[in-house]
Amino acid sequence: MSRKLYLVLFLVLMAAAATGVYMRQRAKAAAAAALRQNSGQAANCETPAPPPPPTATPPPKLPGFAIEAACGTGPEPAKPAPKGKGK
């Protein structure tokens, strides 16, 4: 075989190896980014995100303890009497 053919084969094999290394590094970076995103931490931040706000706790269930209905506009207002003609 000629030297040119060996050179071409060498270059093709090196390009394939470089592509494999590039794809592996890119996959590692994507996995690390997904892990950072799931942990609640920014990419270049050393401190964690603040905790979520506390949720409202339900009232205790005590014997004889009942929650009253919320104050609102009250019962539906009475409908006005129909206006009649004449009187």
PDB file of N, CA and C in Angstrom:
ATOM      1  N   MET A   1       0.844  -1.179   0.000  1.00  0.00           N
ATOM      2  CA  MET A   1       0.000   0.000   0.000  1.00  0.00           C
ATOM      3  C   MET A   1       0.886   1.239   0.000  1.00  0.00           C
ATOM      4  N   SER A   2       0.329   2.292  -0.516  1.00  0.00           N
ATOM      5  CA  SER A   2       1.119   3.511  -0.589  1.00  0.00           C
ATOM      6  C   SER A   2       1.033   4.285   0.731  1.00  0.00           C
ATOM      7  N   ARG A   3       1.915   5.191   0.883  1.00  0.00           N
ATOM      8  CA  ARG A   3       1.946   5.989   2.128  1.00  0.00           C
ATOM      9  C   ARG A   3       0.733   6.896   2.242  1.00  0.00           C
ATOM     10  N   LYS A   4       0.210   7.348   1.117  1.00  0.00           N
ATOM     11  CA  LYS A   4      -0.967   8.222   1.149  1.00  0.00           C
ATOM     12  C   LYS A   4      -2.181   7.469   1.717  1.00  0.00           C
ATOM     13  N   LEU A   5      -2.323   6.201   1.345  1.00  0.00           N
ATOM     14  CA  LEU A   5      -3.446   5.426   1.855  1.00  0.00           C
ATOM     15  C   LEU A   5      -3.327   5.234   3.362  1.00  0.00           C
ATOM     16  N   TYR A   6      -2.139   4.964   3.853  1.00  0.00           N
ATOM     17  CA  TYR A   6      -1.923   4.842   5.298  1.00  0.00           C
ATOM     18  C   TYR A   6      -2.234   6.155   6.012  1.00  0.00           C
ATOM     19  N   LEU A   7      -1.836   7.238   5.405  1.00  0.00           N
ATOM     20  CA  LEU A   7      -2.098   8.553   6.004  1.00  0.00           C
ATOM     21  C   LEU A   7      -3.605   8.814   6.086  1.00  0.00           C
ATOM     22  N   VAL A   8      -4.342   8.502   5.023  1.00  0.00           N
ATOM     23  CA  VAL A   8      -5.786   8.714   5.010  1.00  0.00           C
ATOM     24  C   VAL A   8      -6.466   7.828   6.065  1.00  0.00           C
ATOM     25  N   LEU A   9      -6.072   6.550   6.138  1.00  0.00           N
ATOM     26  CA  LEU A   9      -6.636   5.662   7.150  1.00  0.00           C
ATOM     27  C   LEU A   9      -6.329   6.148   8.557  1.00  0.00           C
ATOM     28  N   PHE A  10      -5.125   6.622   8.780  1.00  0.00           N
ATOM     29  CA  PHE A  10      -4.741   7.153  10.089  1.00  0.00           C
ATOM     30  C   PHE A  10      -5.603   8.359  10.457  1.00  0.00           C
ATOM     31  N   LEU A  11      -5.809   9.260   9.496  1.00  0.00           N
ATOM     32  CA  LEU A  11      -6.607  10.456   9.769  1.00  0.00           C
ATOM     33  C   LEU A  11      -8.079  10.104  10.047  1.00  0.00           C
ATOM     34  N   VAL A  12      -8.623   9.122   9.331  1.00  0.00           N
ATOM     35  CA  VAL A  12     -10.011   8.715   9.555  1.00  0.00           C
ATOM     36  C   VAL A  12     -10.153   8.096  10.945  1.00  0.00           C
ATOM     37  N   LEU A  13      -9.215   7.246  11.324  1.00  0.00           N
ATOM     38  CA  LEU A  13      -9.267   6.631  12.656  1.00  0.00           C
ATOM     39  C   LEU A  13      -9.106   7.668  13.759  1.00  0.00           C
ATOM     40  N   MET A  14      -8.240   8.631  13.581  1.00  0.00           N
ATOM     41  CA  MET A  14      -8.056   9.687  14.588  1.00  0.00           C
ATOM     42  C   MET A  14      -9.316  10.548  14.697  1.00  0.00           C
ATOM     43  N   ALA A  15      -9.963  10.834  13.565  1.00  0.00           N
ATOM     44  CA  ALA A  15     -11.197  11.630  13.607  1.00  0.00           C
ATOM     45  C   ALA A  15     -12.296  10.860  14.341  1.00  0.00           C
ATOM     46  N   ALA A  16     -12.394   9.554  14.111  1.00  0.00           N
ATOM     47  CA  ALA A  16     -13.397   8.749  14.798  1.00  0.00           C
ATOM     48  C   ALA A  16     -13.122   8.702  16.295  1.00  0.00           C
ATOM     49  N   ALA A  17     -11.852   8.570  16.684  1.00  0.00           N
ATOM     50  CA  ALA A  17     -11.505   8.540  18.105  1.00  0.00           C
ATOM     51  C   ALA A  17     -11.801   9.886  18.763  1.00  0.00           C
ATOM     52  N   ALA A  18     -11.467  10.976  18.080  1.00  0.00           N
ATOM     53  CA  ALA A  18     -11.721  12.314  18.633  1.00  0.00           C
ATOM     54  C   ALA A  18     -13.221  12.550  18.795  1.00  0.00           C
ATOM     55  N   THR A  19     -14.013  12.074  17.850  1.00  0.00           N
ATOM     56  CA  THR A  19     -15.466  12.222  17.946  1.00  0.00           C
ATOM     57  C   THR A  19     -16.001  11.450  19.143  1.00  0.00           C
ATOM     58  N   GLY A  20     -15.494  10.254  19.363  1.00  0.00           N
ATOM     59  CA  GLY A  20     -15.922   9.460  20.510  1.00  0.00           C
ATOM     60  C   GLY A  20     -15.601  10.135  21.831  1.00  0.00           C
ATOM     61  N   VAL A  21     -14.395  10.686  21.935  1.00  0.00           N
ATOM     62  CA  VAL A  21     -14.001  11.391  23.161  1.00  0.00           C
ATOM     63  C   VAL A  21     -14.885  12.617  23.376  1.00  0.00           C
ATOM     64  N   TYR A  22     -15.138  13.362  22.296  1.00  0.00           N
ATOM     65  CA  TYR A  22     -15.976  14.553  22.396  1.00  0.00           C
ATOM     66  C   TYR A  22     -17.385  14.189  22.868  1.00  0.00           C
ATOM     67  N   MET A  23     -17.971  13.151  22.288  1.00  0.00           N
ATOM     68  CA  MET A  23     -19.332  12.755  22.664  1.00  0.00           C
ATOM     69  C   MET A  23     -19.402  12.267  24.109  1.00  0.00           C
ATOM     70  N   ARG A  24     -18.370  11.559  24.571  1.00  0.00           N
ATOM     71  CA  ARG A  24     -18.353  11.083  25.955  1.00  0.00           C
ATOM     72  C   ARG A  24     -18.265  12.255  26.929  1.00  0.00           C
ATOM     73  N   GLN A  25     -17.419  13.242  26.629  1.00  0.00           N
ATOM     74  CA  GLN A  25     -17.302  14.409  27.507  1.00  0.00           C
ATOM     75  C   GLN A  25     -18.604  15.211  27.522  1.00  0.00           C
ATOM     76  N   ARG A  26     -19.235  15.305  26.371  1.00  0.00           N
ATOM     77  CA  ARG A  26     -20.488  16.049  26.293  1.00  0.00           C
ATOM     78  C   ARG A  26     -21.584  15.348  27.095  1.00  0.00           C
ATOM     79  N   ALA A  27     -21.618  14.026  27.062  1.00  0.00           N
ATOM     80  CA  ALA A  27     -22.608  13.277  27.833  1.00  0.00           C
ATOM     81  C   ALA A  27     -22.367  13.443  29.331  1.00  0.00           C
ATOM     82  N   LYS A  28     -21.098  13.449  29.740  1.00  0.00           N
ATOM     83  CA  LYS A  28     -20.785  13.654  31.153  1.00  0.00           C
ATOM     84  C   LYS A  28     -21.220  15.045  31.607  1.00  0.00           C
ATOM     85  N   ALA A  29     -20.984  16.051  30.773  1.00  0.00           N
ATOM     86  CA  ALA A  29     -21.378  17.415  31.123  1.00  0.00           C
ATOM     87  C   ALA A  29     -22.895  17.532  31.222  1.00  0.00           C
ATOM     88  N   ALA A  30     -23.619  16.872  30.329  1.00  0.00           N
ATOM     89  CA  ALA A  30     -25.082  16.926  30.367  1.00  0.00           C
ATOM     90  C   ALA A  30     -25.613  16.226  31.622  1.00  0.00           C
ATOM     91  N   ALA A  31     -24.994  15.117  31.999  1.00  0.00           N
ATOM     92  CA  ALA A  31     -25.431  14.414  33.202  1.00  0.00           C
ATOM     93  C   ALA A  31     -25.155  15.254  34.446  1.00  0.00           C
ATOM     94  N   ALA A  32     -24.019  15.937  34.475  1.00  0.00           N
ATOM     95  CA  ALA A  32     -23.691  16.787  35.618  1.00  0.00           C
ATOM     96  C   ALA A  32     -24.651  17.968  35.698  1.00  0.00           C
ATOM     97  N   ALA A  33     -25.012  18.529  34.552  1.00  0.00           N
ATOM     98  CA  ALA A  33     -25.949  19.656  34.544  1.00  0.00           C
ATOM     99  C   ALA A  33     -27.325  19.206  35.034  1.00  0.00           C
ATOM    100  N   ALA A  34     -27.749  18.030  34.635  1.00  0.00           N
ATOM    101  CA  ALA A  34     -29.048  17.521  35.090  1.00  0.00           C
ATOM    102  C   ALA A  34     -29.026  17.266  36.596  1.00  0.00           C
ATOM    103  N   LEU A  35     -27.904  16.777  37.095  1.00  0.00           N
ATOM    104  CA  LEU A  35     -27.784  16.534  38.528  1.00  0.00           C
ATOM    105  C   LEU A  35     -27.826  17.841  39.304  1.00  0.00           C
ATOM    106  N   ARG A  36     -27.148  18.868  38.799  1.00  0.00           N
ATOM    107  CA  ARG A  36     -27.180  20.181  39.461  1.00  0.00           C
ATOM    108  C   ARG A  36     -28.582  20.760  39.437  1.00  0.00           C
ATOM    109  N   GLN A  37     -29.277  20.582  38.318  1.00  0.00           N
ATOM    110  CA  GLN A  37     -30.620  21.133  38.209  1.00  0.00           C
ATOM    111  C   GLN A  37     -31.559  20.427  39.181  1.00  0.00           C
ATOM    112  N   ASN A  38     -31.420  19.124  39.339  1.00  0.00           N
ATOM    113  CA  ASN A  38     -32.287  18.387  40.245  1.00  0.00           C
ATOM    114  C   ASN A  38     -31.960  18.666  41.703  1.00  0.00           C
ATOM    115  N   SER A  39     -30.733  19.070  42.004  1.00  0.00           N
ATOM    116  CA  SER A  39     -30.374  19.310  43.392  1.00  0.00           C
ATOM    117  C   SER A  39     -30.750  20.716  43.842  1.00  0.00           C
ATOM    118  N   GLY A  40     -31.280  21.534  42.936  1.00  0.00           N
ATOM    119  CA  GLY A  40     -31.687  22.887  43.305  1.00  0.00           C
ATOM    120  C   GLY A  40     -30.529  23.845  43.399  1.00  0.00           C
ATOM    121  N   GLN A  41     -29.431  23.521  42.784  1.00  0.00           N
ATOM    122  CA  GLN A  41     -28.257  24.371  42.841  1.00  0.00           C
ATOM    123  C   GLN A  41     -27.953  24.891  41.442  1.00  0.00           C
ATOM    124  N   ALA A  42     -27.567  26.147  41.343  1.00  0.00           N
ATOM    125  CA  ALA A  42     -27.225  26.728  40.055  1.00  0.00           C
ATOM    126  C   ALA A  42     -25.886  26.177  39.574  1.00  0.00           C
ATOM    127  N   ALA A  43     -25.595  26.384  38.308  1.00  0.00           N
ATOM    128  CA  ALA A  43     -24.398  25.803  37.709  1.00  0.00           C
ATOM    129  C   ALA A  43     -23.116  26.314  38.364  1.00  0.00           C
ATOM    130  N   ASN A  44     -23.006  27.608  38.610  1.00  0.00           N
ATOM    131  CA  ASN A  44     -21.773  28.170  39.162  1.00  0.00           C
ATOM    132  C   ASN A  44     -22.002  28.741  40.559  1.00  0.00           C
ATOM    133  N   CYS A  45     -22.821  28.094  41.326  1.00  0.00           N
ATOM    134  CA  CYS A  45     -23.165  28.602  42.646  1.00  0.00           C
ATOM    135  C   CYS A  45     -22.802  27.562  43.699  1.00  0.00           C
ATOM    136  N   GLU A  46     -22.157  28.013  44.753  1.00  0.00           N
ATOM    137  CA  GLU A  46     -21.745  27.084  45.802  1.00  0.00           C
ATOM    138  C   GLU A  46     -22.761  26.984  46.935  1.00  0.00           C
ATOM    139  N   THR A  47     -23.711  27.896  46.970  1.00  0.00           N
ATOM    140  CA  THR A  47     -24.712  27.860  48.039  1.00  0.00           C
ATOM    141  C   THR A  47     -26.006  27.260  47.490  1.00  0.00           C
ATOM    142  N   PRO A  48     -26.713  26.492  48.272  1.00  0.00           N
ATOM    143  CA  PRO A  48     -27.956  25.890  47.787  1.00  0.00           C
ATOM    144  C   PRO A  48     -29.065  26.930  47.684  1.00  0.00           C
ATOM    145  N   ALA A  49     -30.090  26.595  46.972  1.00  0.00           N
ATOM    146  CA  ALA A  49     -31.247  27.474  46.825  1.00  0.00           C
ATOM    147  C   ALA A  49     -31.972  27.569  48.161  1.00  0.00           C
ATOM    148  N   PRO A  50     -32.686  28.667  48.414  1.00  0.00           N
ATOM    149  CA  PRO A  50     -33.417  28.780  49.673  1.00  0.00           C
ATOM    150  C   PRO A  50     -34.506  27.711  49.743  1.00  0.00           C
ATOM    151  N   PRO A  51     -34.874  27.294  50.948  1.00  0.00           N
ATOM    152  CA  PRO A  51     -35.900  26.260  51.071  1.00  0.00           C
ATOM    153  C   PRO A  51     -37.251  26.794  50.619  1.00  0.00           C
ATOM    154  N   PRO A  52     -38.153  25.931  50.197  1.00  0.00           N
ATOM    155  CA  PRO A  52     -39.469  26.400  49.780  1.00  0.00           C
ATOM    156  C   PRO A  52     -40.227  26.967  50.977  1.00  0.00           C
ATOM    157  N   PRO A  53     -41.169  27.881  50.732  1.00  0.00           N
ATOM    158  CA  PRO A  53     -41.919  28.463  51.840  1.00  0.00           C
ATOM    159  C   PRO A  53     -42.720  27.386  52.558  1.00  0.00           C
ATOM    160  N   PRO A  54     -42.902  27.539  53.868  1.00  0.00           N
ATOM    161  CA  PRO A  54     -43.652  26.528  54.614  1.00  0.00           C
ATOM    162  C   PRO A  54     -45.121  26.532  54.188  1.00  0.00           C
ATOM    163  N   THR A  55     -45.714  25.376  54.210  1.00  0.00           N
ATOM    164  CA  THR A  55     -47.132  25.282  53.862  1.00  0.00           C
ATOM    165  C   THR A  55     -47.967  25.485  55.112  1.00  0.00           C
ATOM    166  N   ALA A  56     -49.189  25.912  54.922  1.00  0.00           N
ATOM    167  CA  ALA A  56     -50.083  26.150  56.057  1.00  0.00           C
ATOM    168  C   ALA A  56     -50.460  24.808  56.678  1.00  0.00           C
ATOM    169  N   THR A  57     -50.376  24.758  57.976  1.00  0.00           N
ATOM    170  CA  THR A  57     -50.732  23.514  58.663  1.00  0.00           C
ATOM    171  C   THR A  57     -52.218  23.511  58.959  1.00  0.00           C
ATOM    172  N   PRO A  58     -52.872  22.376  58.862  1.00  0.00           N
ATOM    173  CA  PRO A  58     -54.302  22.337  59.158  1.00  0.00           C
ATOM    174  C   PRO A  58     -54.524  22.525  60.658  1.00  0.00           C
ATOM    175  N   PRO A  59     -55.708  22.992  61.039  1.00  0.00           N
ATOM    176  CA  PRO A  59     -55.980  23.184  62.462  1.00  0.00           C
ATOM    177  C   PRO A  59     -55.997  21.835  63.169  1.00  0.00           C
ATOM    178  N   PRO A  60     -55.712  21.835  64.456  1.00  0.00           N
ATOM    179  CA  PRO A  60     -55.702  20.563  65.188  1.00  0.00           C
ATOM    180  C   PRO A  60     -57.111  19.989  65.304  1.00  0.00           C
ATOM    181  N   LYS A  61     -57.180  18.688  65.361  1.00  0.00           N
ATOM    182  CA  LYS A  61     -58.483  18.024  65.516  1.00  0.00           C
ATOM    183  C   LYS A  61     -58.692  17.717  66.993  1.00  0.00           C
ATOM    184  N   LEU A  62     -59.370  18.628  67.653  1.00  0.00           N
ATOM    185  CA  LEU A  62     -59.641  18.488  69.079  1.00  0.00           C
ATOM    186  C   LEU A  62     -61.105  18.151  69.289  1.00  0.00           C
ATOM    187  N   PRO A  63     -61.435  17.412  70.340  1.00  0.00           N
ATOM    188  CA  PRO A  63     -62.843  17.103  70.598  1.00  0.00           C
ATOM    189  C   PRO A  63     -63.617  18.376  70.934  1.00  0.00           C
ATOM    190  N   GLY A  64     -64.763  18.539  70.314  1.00  0.00           N
ATOM    191  CA  GLY A  64     -65.607  19.703  70.573  1.00  0.00           C
ATOM    192  C   GLY A  64     -65.120  20.956  69.871  1.00  0.00           C
ATOM    193  N   PHE A  65     -64.172  20.843  69.005  1.00  0.00           N
ATOM    194  CA  PHE A  65     -63.621  22.003  68.300  1.00  0.00           C
ATOM    195  C   PHE A  65     -64.156  21.970  66.880  1.00  0.00           C
ATOM    196  N   ALA A  66     -64.842  23.033  66.474  1.00  0.00           N
ATOM    197  CA  ALA A  66     -65.394  23.101  65.117  1.00  0.00           C
ATOM    198  C   ALA A  66     -64.963  24.402  64.473  1.00  0.00           C
ATOM    199  N   ILE A  67     -64.721  24.342  63.216  1.00  0.00           N
ATOM    200  CA  ILE A  67     -64.344  25.545  62.466  1.00  0.00           C
ATOM    201  C   ILE A  67     -65.628  26.163  61.923  1.00  0.00           C
ATOM    202  N   GLU A  68     -65.782  27.462  62.171  1.00  0.00           N
ATOM    203  CA  GLU A  68     -66.968  28.153  61.694  1.00  0.00           C
ATOM    204  C   GLU A  68     -66.788  28.499  60.220  1.00  0.00           C
ATOM    205  N   ALA A  69     -67.887  28.725  59.566  1.00  0.00           N
ATOM    206  CA  ALA A  69     -67.836  29.129  58.166  1.00  0.00           C
ATOM    207  C   ALA A  69     -67.159  30.493  58.070  1.00  0.00           C
ATOM    208  N   ALA A  70     -66.502  30.721  56.999  1.00  0.00           N
ATOM    209  CA  ALA A  70     -65.787  31.981  56.809  1.00  0.00           C
ATOM    210  C   ALA A  70     -66.763  33.139  56.670  1.00  0.00           C
ATOM    211  N   CYS A  71     -66.346  34.303  57.117  1.00  0.00           N
ATOM    212  CA  CYS A  71     -67.170  35.495  56.975  1.00  0.00           C
ATOM    213  C   CYS A  71     -67.192  35.876  55.502  1.00  0.00           C
ATOM    214  N   GLY A  72     -68.329  36.176  55.002  1.00  0.00           N
ATOM    215  CA  GLY A  72     -68.455  36.554  53.598  1.00  0.00           C
ATOM    216  C   GLY A  72     -69.546  37.572  53.448  1.00  0.00           C
ATOM    217  N   THR A  73     -70.185  37.540  52.338  1.00  0.00           N
ATOM    218  CA  THR A  73     -71.258  38.498  52.098  1.00  0.00           C
ATOM    219  C   THR A  73     -72.553  38.043  52.743  1.00  0.00           C
ATOM    220  N   GLY A  74     -72.549  36.854  53.309  1.00  0.00           N
ATOM    221  CA  GLY A  74     -73.744  36.362  53.977  1.00  0.00           C
ATOM    222  C   GLY A  74     -74.623  35.621  52.999  1.00  0.00           C
ATOM    223  N   PRO A  75     -75.871  35.360  53.427  1.00  0.00           N
ATOM    224  CA  PRO A  75     -76.781  34.659  52.519  1.00  0.00           C
ATOM    225  C   PRO A  75     -77.097  35.526  51.308  1.00  0.00           C
ATOM    226  N   GLU A  76     -77.628  34.898  50.311  1.00  0.00           N
ATOM    227  CA  GLU A  76     -77.958  35.629  49.087  1.00  0.00           C
ATOM    228  C   GLU A  76     -78.997  36.695  49.410  1.00  0.00           C
ATOM    229  N   PRO A  77     -78.787  37.938  48.948  1.00  0.00           N
ATOM    230  CA  PRO A  77     -79.751  39.001  49.268  1.00  0.00           C
ATOM    231  C   PRO A  77     -81.121  38.712  48.618  1.00  0.00           C
ATOM    232  N   ALA A  78     -82.157  39.246  49.299  1.00  0.00           N
ATOM    233  CA  ALA A  78     -83.519  39.062  48.787  1.00  0.00           C
ATOM    234  C   ALA A  78     -83.666  39.816  47.481  1.00  0.00           C
ATOM    235  N   LYS A  79     -84.407  39.202  46.567  1.00  0.00           N
ATOM    236  CA  LYS A  79     -84.619  39.848  45.279  1.00  0.00           C
ATOM    237  C   LYS A  79     -85.632  40.988  45.459  1.00  0.00           C
ATOM    238  N   PRO A  80     -85.395  42.092  44.766  1.00  0.00           N
ATOM    239  CA  PRO A  80     -86.353  43.211  44.919  1.00  0.00           C
ATOM    240  C   PRO A  80     -87.719  42.844  44.325  1.00  0.00           C
ATOM    241  N   ALA A  81     -88.751  43.435  44.917  1.00  0.00           N
ATOM    242  CA  ALA A  81     -90.120  43.180  44.445  1.00  0.00           C
ATOM    243  C   ALA A  81     -90.265  43.714  43.025  1.00  0.00           C
ATOM    244  N   PRO A  82     -91.022  43.011  42.218  1.00  0.00           N
ATOM    245  CA  PRO A  82     -91.206  43.508  40.843  1.00  0.00           C
ATOM    246  C   PRO A  82     -91.973  44.838  40.849  1.00  0.00           C
ATOM    247  N   LYS A  83     -91.526  45.691  39.984  1.00  0.00           N
ATOM    248  CA  LYS A  83     -92.172  46.997  39.899  1.00  0.00           C
ATOM    249  C   LYS A  83     -93.452  46.867  39.077  1.00  0.00           C
ATOM    250  N   GLY A  84     -94.534  47.335  39.671  1.00  0.00           N
ATOM    251  CA  GLY A  84     -95.823  47.255  38.975  1.00  0.00           C
ATOM    252  C   GLY A  84     -96.174  48.590  38.343  1.00  0.00           C
ATOM    253  N   LYS A  85     -97.014  48.499  37.347  1.00  0.00           N
ATOM    254  CA  LYS A  85     -97.455  49.745  36.694  1.00  0.00           C
ATOM    255  C   LYS A  85     -98.738  50.239  37.374  1.00  0.00           C
ATOM    256  N   GLY A  86     -98.855  51.496  37.385  1.00  0.00           N
ATOM    257  CA  GLY A  86    -100.116  52.056  37.859  1.00  0.00           C
ATOM    258  C   GLY A  86    -100.016  52.591  39.273  1.00  0.00           C
ATOM    259  N   LYS A  87    -100.038  51.825  40.211  1.00  0.00           N
ATOM    260  CA  LYS A  87    -100.128  52.302  41.578  1.00  0.00           C
ATOM    261  C   LYS A  87     -98.819  52.615  42.129  1.00  0.00           C
TER     262      LYS A  87
END
